[in-house]
Each structure stands twice: as structure tokens, then as C-alpha cells.
C-alpha atoms as a PDB file:
ATOM      1  CA  UNK A   1      97.552 -26.043  58.238  1.00  0.00           C
ATOM      2  CA  UNK A   2      94.585 -24.493  59.481  1.00  0.00           C
ATOM      3  CA  UNK A   3      92.340 -27.443  58.027  1.00  0.00           C
ATOM      4  CA  UNK A   4      94.429 -29.770  59.586  1.00  0.00           C
ATOM      5  CA  UNK A   5      94.279 -28.056  63.222  1.00  0.00           C
ATOM      6  CA  UNK A   6      90.282 -28.049  63.112  1.00  0.00           C
ATOM      7  CA  UNK A   7      90.656 -31.790  61.646  1.00  0.00           C
ATOM      8  CA  UNK A   8      92.334 -32.796  64.681  1.00  0.00           C
ATOM      9  CA  UNK A   9      90.414 -30.923  67.108  1.00  0.00           C
ATOM     10  CA  UNK A  10      87.235 -32.661  65.461  1.00  0.00           C
ATOM     11  CA  UNK A  11      89.036 -35.832  66.321  1.00  0.00           C
ATOM     12  CA  UNK A  12      89.756 -35.224  69.795  1.00  0.00           C
ATOM     13  CA  UNK A  13      86.415 -34.463  70.445  1.00  0.00           C
ATOM     14  CA  UNK A  14      84.696 -37.304  69.061  1.00  0.00           C
ATOM     15  CA  UNK A  15      87.099 -39.258  70.579  1.00  0.00           C
ATOM     16  CA  UNK A  16      86.252 -38.265  73.917  1.00  0.00           C
ATOM     17  CA  UNK A  17      82.596 -39.165  73.345  1.00  0.00           C
ATOM     18  CA  UNK A  18      81.422 -41.570  75.051  1.00  0.00           C
ATOM     19  CA  UNK A  19      80.592 -45.624  73.483  1.00  0.00           C
ATOM     20  CA  UNK A  20      77.740 -46.630  75.879  1.00  0.00           C
ATOM     21  CA  UNK A  21      74.072 -46.410  75.462  1.00  0.00           C
ATOM     22  CA  UNK A  22      72.751 -43.958  78.487  1.00  0.00           C
ATOM     23  CA  UNK A  23      70.811 -46.042  80.762  1.00  0.00           C
ATOM     24  CA  UNK A  24      67.451 -44.127  80.125  1.00  0.00           C
ATOM     25  CA  UNK A  25      67.561 -45.360  76.445  1.00  0.00           C
ATOM     26  CA  UNK A  26      68.794 -49.167  77.824  1.00  0.00           C
ATOM     27  CA  UNK A  27      65.586 -49.050  80.543  1.00  0.00           C
ATOM     28  CA  UNK A  28      62.841 -48.107  78.294  1.00  0.00           C
ATOM     29  CA  UNK A  29      59.464 -49.235  79.585  1.00  0.00           C
ATOM     30  CA  UNK A  30      56.856 -51.823  78.289  1.00  0.00           C
ATOM     31  CA  UNK A  31      57.620 -55.372  75.962  1.00  0.00           C
ATOM     32  CA  UNK A  32      59.506 -55.168  73.077  1.00  0.00           C
ATOM     33  CA  UNK A  33      58.264 -55.156  69.717  1.00  0.00           C
ATOM     34  CA  UNK A  34      59.049 -55.272  65.987  1.00  0.00           C
ATOM     35  CA  UNK A  35      57.150 -53.913  63.061  1.00  0.00           C
ATOM     36  CA  UNK A  36      58.630 -55.451  59.781  1.00  0.00           C
ATOM     37  CA  UNK A  37      57.599 -56.479  55.991  1.00  0.00           C
ATOM     38  CA  UNK A  38      53.679 -55.928  57.412  1.00  0.00           C
ATOM     39  CA  UNK A  39      54.103 -58.171  60.254  1.00  0.00           C
ATOM     40  CA  UNK A  40      53.807 -56.790  64.002  1.00  0.00           C
ATOM     41  CA  UNK A  41      55.735 -59.021  66.607  1.00  0.00           C
ATOM     42  CA  UNK A  42      55.914 -59.267  70.268  1.00  0.00           C
ATOM     43  CA  UNK A  43      56.743 -61.676  72.838  1.00  0.00           C
ATOM     44  CA  UNK A  44      53.317 -63.468  72.519  1.00  0.00           C
ATOM     45  CA  UNK A  45      52.647 -63.457  69.026  1.00  0.00           C
ATOM     46  CA  UNK A  46      53.068 -62.251  65.439  1.00  0.00           C
ATOM     47  CA  UNK A  47      50.429 -61.275  63.028  1.00  0.00           C
ATOM     48  CA  UNK A  48      49.757 -60.064  59.501  1.00  0.00           C
ATOM     49  CA  UNK A  49      49.174 -55.889  59.522  1.00  0.00           C
ATOM     50  CA  UNK A  50      46.200 -55.745  57.284  1.00  0.00           C
ATOM     51  CA  UNK A  51      46.652 -53.109  54.166  1.00  0.00           C
ATOM     52  CA  UNK A  52      46.045 -49.363  55.021  1.00  0.00           C
ATOM     53  CA  UNK A  53      44.851 -50.065  58.121  1.00  0.00           C
ATOM     54  CA  UNK A  54      47.136 -48.071  61.090  1.00  0.00           C
ATOM     55  CA  UNK A  55      49.300 -49.631  63.995  1.00  0.00           C
ATOM     56  CA  UNK A  56      48.957 -48.280  67.357  1.00  0.00           C
ATOM     57  CA  UNK A  57      50.348 -50.723  70.010  1.00  0.00           C
ATOM     58  CA  UNK A  58      49.191 -51.180  73.633  1.00  0.00           C
ATOM     59  CA  UNK A  59      50.849 -48.651  76.511  1.00  0.00           C
ATOM     60  CA  UNK A  60      54.038 -50.032  78.106  1.00  0.00           C
ATOM     61  CA  UNK A  61      52.230 -50.555  81.285  1.00  0.00           C
ATOM     62  CA  UNK A  62      49.691 -52.514  79.784  1.00  0.00           C
ATOM     63  CA  UNK A  63      49.157 -55.997  78.759  1.00  0.00           C
ATOM     64  CA  UNK A  64      50.569 -56.929  75.187  1.00  0.00           C
ATOM     65  CA  UNK A  65      48.128 -56.012  72.279  1.00  0.00           C
ATOM     66  CA  UNK A  66      48.215 -54.712  69.117  1.00  0.00           C
ATOM     67  CA  UNK A  67      45.051 -51.970  67.369  1.00  0.00           C
ATOM     68  CA  UNK A  68      44.507 -51.629  63.602  1.00  0.00           C
ATOM     69  CA  UNK A  69      42.644 -48.934  62.954  1.00  0.00           C
ATOM     70  CA  UNK A  70      40.957 -47.295  59.868  1.00  0.00           C
ATOM     71  CA  UNK A  71      38.475 -44.498  59.826  1.00  0.00           C
ATOM     72  CA  UNK A  72      36.536 -43.410  63.086  1.00  0.00           C
ATOM     73  CA  UNK A  73      34.722 -46.758  64.078  1.00  0.00           C
ATOM     74  CA  UNK A  74      36.584 -49.541  62.522  1.00  0.00           C
ATOM     75  CA  UNK A  75      39.144 -51.495  64.884  1.00  0.00           C
ATOM     76  CA  UNK A  76      40.396 -54.747  65.222  1.00  0.00           C
ATOM     77  CA  UNK A  77      42.658 -55.835  68.096  1.00  0.00           C
ATOM     78  CA  UNK A  78      44.824 -58.852  68.812  1.00  0.00           C
ATOM     79  CA  UNK A  79      45.402 -59.079  72.660  1.00  0.00           C
ATOM     80  CA  UNK A  80      46.823 -60.792  75.439  1.00  0.00           C
ATOM     81  CA  UNK A  81      43.545 -59.954  77.800  1.00  0.00           C
ATOM     82  CA  UNK A  82      40.364 -60.369  76.107  1.00  0.00           C
ATOM     83  CA  UNK A  83      39.367 -56.859  77.177  1.00  0.00           C
ATOM     84  CA  UNK A  84      37.473 -54.882  73.915  1.00  0.00           C
ATOM     85  CA  UNK A  85      39.317 -51.678  73.406  1.00  0.00           C
ATOM     86  CA  UNK A  86      37.806 -48.559  73.855  1.00  0.00           C
ATOM     87  CA  UNK A  87      37.123 -46.059  70.681  1.00  0.00           C
ATOM     88  CA  UNK A  88      37.798 -43.055  71.251  1.00  0.00           C
ATOM     89  CA  UNK A  89      37.020 -40.791  68.244  1.00  0.00           C
ATOM     90  CA  UNK A  90      33.785 -43.297  67.380  1.00  0.00           C
ATOM     91  CA  UNK A  91      30.631 -41.528  68.780  1.00  0.00           C
ATOM     92  CA  UNK A  92      27.904 -43.977  67.048  1.00  0.00           C
ATOM     93  CA  UNK A  93      26.075 -46.078  69.153  1.00  0.00           C
ATOM     94  CA  UNK A  94      25.019 -48.815  66.641  1.00  0.00           C
ATOM     95  CA  UNK A  95      28.218 -50.768  66.175  1.00  0.00           C
ATOM     96  CA  UNK A  96      28.621 -54.213  65.027  1.00  0.00           C
ATOM     97  CA  UNK A  97      31.421 -56.404  67.125  1.00  0.00           C
ATOM     98  CA  UNK A  98      32.831 -59.566  67.379  1.00  0.00           C
ATOM     99  CA  UNK A  99      35.407 -61.213  70.063  1.00  0.00           C
ATOM    100  CA  UNK A 100      37.313 -64.621  69.385  1.00  0.00           C
ATOM    101  CA  UNK A 101      40.043 -66.358  71.229  1.00  0.00           C
ATOM    102  CA  UNK A 102      43.127 -68.115  69.511  1.00  0.00           C
ATOM    103  CA  UNK A 103      44.995 -71.070  71.287  1.00  0.00           C
ATOM    104  CA  UNK A 104      48.483 -70.699  70.342  1.00  0.00           C
ATOM    105  CA  UNK A 105      50.686 -73.992  69.747  1.00  0.00           C
ATOM    106  CA  UNK A 106      52.346 -73.379  73.011  1.00  0.00           C
ATOM    107  CA  UNK A 107      48.877 -73.247  74.886  1.00  0.00           C
ATOM    108  CA  UNK A 108      49.065 -68.798  75.237  1.00  0.00           C
ATOM    109  CA  UNK A 109      45.597 -67.406  74.232  1.00  0.00           C
ATOM    110  CA  UNK A 110      45.309 -64.447  72.285  1.00  0.00           C
ATOM    111  CA  UNK A 111      42.244 -62.123  72.009  1.00  0.00           C
ATOM    112  CA  UNK A 112      41.001 -60.805  68.702  1.00  0.00           C
ATOM    113  CA  UNK A 113      37.877 -58.171  68.895  1.00  0.00           C
ATOM    114  CA  UNK A 114      36.761 -56.466  65.819  1.00  0.00           C
ATOM    115  CA  UNK A 115      34.470 -53.503  66.028  1.00  0.00           C
ATOM    116  CA  UNK A 116      32.879 -51.123  62.678  1.00  0.00           C
ATOM    117  CA  UNK A 117      29.934 -49.260  61.560  1.00  0.00           C
ATOM    118  CA  UNK A 118      27.046 -51.339  59.852  1.00  0.00           C
ATOM    119  CA  UNK A 119      27.859 -50.284  56.837  1.00  0.00           C
ATOM    120  CA  UNK A 120      31.397 -51.407  56.948  1.00  0.00           C
ATOM    121  CA  UNK A 121      31.175 -54.412  58.891  1.00  0.00           C
ATOM    122  CA  UNK A 122      31.027 -56.780  56.498  1.00  0.00           C
ATOM    123  CA  UNK A 123      34.737 -55.488  54.946  1.00  0.00           C
ATOM    124  CA  UNK A 124      35.877 -55.305  58.455  1.00  0.00           C
ATOM    125  CA  UNK A 125      34.572 -58.948  59.184  1.00  0.00           C
ATOM    126  CA  UNK A 126      36.937 -60.100  56.070  1.00  0.00           C
ATOM    127  CA  UNK A 127      39.943 -58.338  57.226  1.00  0.00           C
ATOM    128  CA  UNK A 128      38.872 -60.056  60.823  1.00  0.00           C
ATOM    129  CA  UNK A 129      39.121 -63.325  59.222  1.00  0.00           C
ATOM    130  CA  UNK A 130      42.375 -62.478  57.245  1.00  0.00           C
ATOM    131  CA  UNK A 131      43.956 -60.861  60.537  1.00  0.00           C
ATOM    132  CA  UNK A 132      42.636 -63.981  62.782  1.00  0.00           C
ATOM    133  CA  UNK A 133      44.591 -66.770  59.838  1.00  0.00           C
ATOM    134  CA  UNK A 134      47.728 -65.103  60.296  1.00  0.00           C
ATOM    135  CA  UNK A 135      48.148 -64.920  63.995  1.00  0.00           C
ATOM    136  CA  UNK A 136      51.084 -67.347  65.119  1.00  0.00           C
ATOM    137  CA  UNK A 137      53.192 -67.301  68.298  1.00  0.00           C
ATOM    138  CA  UNK A 138      56.035 -65.846  68.372  1.00  0.00           C
ATOM    139  CA  UNK A 139      58.583 -68.405  67.870  1.00  0.00           C
ATOM    140  CA  UNK A 140      56.974 -69.659  64.579  1.00  0.00           C
END
């Protein structure tokens, strides 16, 4: 009998819960993106995530971008704007870098940027080629 009363109390308690999403969760800042099956997708582009690289997305108030990082001084970015990212933890002055642009079928332009120490540049450059080949429009 006591168990029945507890169950009924819990049922009444849960029935009184609001089933709507709170406003602060419905209005999250920034453009939506998804990460699934080693791919990053936003409203502008889709790109493969290189194996062994960390993924960092742009801040909500910034243009659409994704950054792939490995170590302190290796970065590959894919962005809606051609602005090279800042490496906050890299205190080396001799970095090699390259910047390219890809025009998507819908006419939008995506900027690619890579930077690394000379000792790891060849590997980063090869990874950038794989990333560049994987860039496609969001609807493709």
C-alpha cells in the first residue's frame, strides 16, 4: 500500500512537469552545426575531420569556421572568411603556412588555412590536401 502511494505521488509529480523547451535553450547563439561519422557540417559547408586531430568550432558571434588542431603548432582551418586563425599556445616564430580558397557549387567561397612547424609541415600539407578534397556544400 505504501509503495502504491509513493508511485501515485511520483506519477502526479511527473505529470505536472512542463514538456516545453525553456526559452534559454531554444534561443542558443550561433549557427547550428553537427559532427557525425568524422564529418563536420554547418549551414555553408561540410568537411571531413582528419584522424587524430581535435575539432574546435568558431565562437557564436564569429563567421562560420571549424579548426582542426594537433599538438601546439599544427592547425588546419576551414572558414567562411579568409582570416588566418591565431595559435594561442604556439610560441614558435618559424611556422610554415598556406592559405587557399575553394568555390562551392552554389558560388560561396570557403577559405582553407594550414600552419605548422617546418619539421611537421609535409604531413600537415598532405592532411590539408585530404581536407580540401573533402569540402563540399552543406546540401551535397
